[in-house]
Amino acid sequence: MRNTVAVALMLAASLGLAACDKKSEDKAQDANQHAEQAQQKMSEAQDKVNDAAKENAEAAKAQAESNEAAAKEAAQDAQPAESK
């Protein structure tokens, strides 16, 4: 009889605790939402890094073109001086 009562009390206690455990489910949902937000932020940050790299490449190309034009101009300026 004691064993039956003990088992019944254990069952009731475990069911009661299981019913009260909604907070852990809420925490899991919150954690999933935060993980999704973090993933979105990481994606946005990666896009910004890619944009910055693209801008750097364009700036390097423009600098190279500017250097090339300056070199051609310097070469042209040097040619008339040689012919004098």
C-alpha atoms as a PDB file:
ATOM      1  CA  MET A   1       0.000   0.000   0.000  1.00  0.00           C
ATOM      2  CA  ARG A   2       2.809   2.381   0.863  1.00  0.00           C
ATOM      3  CA  ASN A   3       4.484   1.547  -2.395  1.00  0.00           C
ATOM      4  CA  THR A   4       1.299   2.332  -4.359  1.00  0.00           C
ATOM      5  CA  VAL A   5       0.817   5.655  -2.576  1.00  0.00           C
ATOM      6  CA  ALA A   6       4.461   6.551  -3.126  1.00  0.00           C
ATOM      7  CA  VAL A   7       4.208   5.753  -6.826  1.00  0.00           C
ATOM      8  CA  ALA A   8       0.989   7.774  -7.120  1.00  0.00           C
ATOM      9  CA  LEU A   9       2.611  10.752  -5.368  1.00  0.00           C
ATOM     10  CA  MET A  10       5.686  10.524  -7.591  1.00  0.00           C
ATOM     11  CA  LEU A  11       3.493  10.405 -10.692  1.00  0.00           C
ATOM     12  CA  ALA A  12       1.430  13.388  -9.529  1.00  0.00           C
ATOM     13  CA  ALA A  13       4.565  15.356  -8.682  1.00  0.00           C
ATOM     14  CA  SER A  14       6.202  14.639 -12.015  1.00  0.00           C
ATOM     15  CA  LEU A  15       3.031  15.606 -13.912  1.00  0.00           C
ATOM     16  CA  GLY A  16       2.783  18.793 -11.868  1.00  0.00           C
ATOM     17  CA  LEU A  17       6.376  19.702 -12.585  1.00  0.00           C
ATOM     18  CA  ALA A  18       5.947  18.917 -16.261  1.00  0.00           C
ATOM     19  CA  ALA A  19       2.910  21.199 -16.435  1.00  0.00           C
ATOM     20  CA  CYS A  20       4.841  24.034 -14.798  1.00  0.00           C
ATOM     21  CA  ASP A  21       7.749  23.719 -17.206  1.00  0.00           C
ATOM     22  CA  LYS A  22       6.331  26.072 -19.848  1.00  0.00           C
ATOM     23  CA  LYS A  23       9.087  28.580 -19.165  1.00  0.00           C
ATOM     24  CA  SER A  24      11.734  26.336 -20.670  1.00  0.00           C
ATOM     25  CA  GLU A  25       9.702  26.083 -23.870  1.00  0.00           C
ATOM     26  CA  ASP A  26       9.405  29.864 -23.929  1.00  0.00           C
ATOM     27  CA  LYS A  27      13.143  30.157 -23.386  1.00  0.00           C
ATOM     28  CA  ALA A  28      13.773  27.763 -26.269  1.00  0.00           C
ATOM     29  CA  GLN A  29      11.546  29.824 -28.560  1.00  0.00           C
ATOM     30  CA  ASP A  30      13.287  33.019 -27.447  1.00  0.00           C
ATOM     31  CA  ALA A  31      16.656  31.410 -28.092  1.00  0.00           C
ATOM     32  CA  ASN A  32      15.542  30.416 -31.590  1.00  0.00           C
ATOM     33  CA  GLN A  33      14.367  33.958 -32.284  1.00  0.00           C
ATOM     34  CA  HIS A  34      17.644  35.389 -31.050  1.00  0.00           C
ATOM     35  CA  ALA A  35      19.562  32.908 -33.187  1.00  0.00           C
ATOM     36  CA  GLU A  36      17.582  33.970 -36.259  1.00  0.00           C
ATOM     37  CA  GLN A  37      18.216  37.638 -35.477  1.00  0.00           C
ATOM     38  CA  ALA A  38      21.900  36.946 -35.017  1.00  0.00           C
ATOM     39  CA  GLN A  39      21.987  35.130 -38.358  1.00  0.00           C
ATOM     40  CA  GLN A  40      20.330  38.100 -40.057  1.00  0.00           C
ATOM     41  CA  LYS A  41      22.795  40.516 -38.453  1.00  0.00           C
ATOM     42  CA  MET A  42      25.698  38.329 -39.576  1.00  0.00           C
ATOM     43  CA  SER A  43      24.319  38.304 -43.104  1.00  0.00           C
ATOM     44  CA  GLU A  44      23.992  42.098 -43.089  1.00  0.00           C
ATOM     45  CA  ALA A  45      27.527  42.443 -41.758  1.00  0.00           C
ATOM     46  CA  GLN A  46      28.857  40.124 -44.474  1.00  0.00           C
ATOM     47  CA  ASP A  47      27.045  42.210 -47.099  1.00  0.00           C
ATOM     48  CA  LYS A  48      28.702  45.342 -45.731  1.00  0.00           C
ATOM     49  CA  VAL A  49      32.117  43.658 -45.807  1.00  0.00           C
ATOM     50  CA  ASN A  50      31.512  42.596 -49.405  1.00  0.00           C
ATOM     51  CA  ASP A  51      30.450  46.130 -50.354  1.00  0.00           C
ATOM     52  CA  ALA A  52      33.561  47.581 -48.704  1.00  0.00           C
ATOM     53  CA  ALA A  53      35.788  45.119 -50.545  1.00  0.00           C
ATOM     54  CA  LYS A  54      34.111  46.031 -53.823  1.00  0.00           C
ATOM     55  CA  GLU A  55      34.635  49.742 -53.138  1.00  0.00           C
ATOM     56  CA  ASN A  56      38.286  49.104 -52.285  1.00  0.00           C
ATOM     57  CA  ALA A  57      38.767  47.211 -55.542  1.00  0.00           C
ATOM     58  CA  GLU A  58      37.149  50.036 -57.503  1.00  0.00           C
ATOM     59  CA  ALA A  59      39.320  52.613 -55.725  1.00  0.00           C
ATOM     60  CA  ALA A  60      42.462  50.582 -56.468  1.00  0.00           C
ATOM     61  CA  LYS A  61      41.455  50.352 -60.126  1.00  0.00           C
ATOM     62  CA  ALA A  62      40.850  54.105 -60.284  1.00  0.00           C
ATOM     63  CA  GLN A  63      44.219  54.759 -58.621  1.00  0.00           C
ATOM     64  CA  ALA A  64      45.965  52.474 -61.102  1.00  0.00           C
ATOM     65  CA  GLU A  65      44.295  54.281 -64.013  1.00  0.00           C
ATOM     66  CA  SER A  66      45.307  57.629 -62.526  1.00  0.00           C
ATOM     67  CA  ASN A  67      48.903  56.465 -62.102  1.00  0.00           C
ATOM     68  CA  GLU A  68      48.951  55.197 -65.687  1.00  0.00           C
ATOM     69  CA  ALA A  69      47.610  58.504 -67.001  1.00  0.00           C
ATOM     70  CA  ALA A  70      50.182  60.425 -64.960  1.00  0.00           C
ATOM     71  CA  ALA A  71      52.962  58.213 -66.307  1.00  0.00           C
ATOM     72  CA  LYS A  72      51.817  58.775 -69.886  1.00  0.00           C
ATOM     73  CA  GLU A  73      51.644  62.511 -69.302  1.00  0.00           C
ATOM     74  CA  ALA A  74      55.104  62.519 -67.791  1.00  0.00           C
ATOM     75  CA  ALA A  75      56.406  60.534 -70.763  1.00  0.00           C
ATOM     76  CA  GLN A  76      54.829  62.974 -73.202  1.00  0.00           C
ATOM     77  CA  ASP A  77      56.288  65.947 -71.329  1.00  0.00           C
ATOM     78  CA  ALA A  78      59.725  64.333 -71.415  1.00  0.00           C
ATOM     79  CA  GLN A  79      59.704  63.701 -75.203  1.00  0.00           C
ATOM     80  CA  PRO A  80      59.608  67.372 -76.335  1.00  0.00           C
ATOM     81  CA  ALA A  81      62.381  68.186 -73.900  1.00  0.00           C
ATOM     82  CA  GLU A  82      64.583  65.512 -75.470  1.00  0.00           C
ATOM     83  CA  SER A  83      64.051  66.806 -78.977  1.00  0.00           C
ATOM     84  CA  LYS A  84      65.256  70.337 -78.047  1.00  0.00           C
END
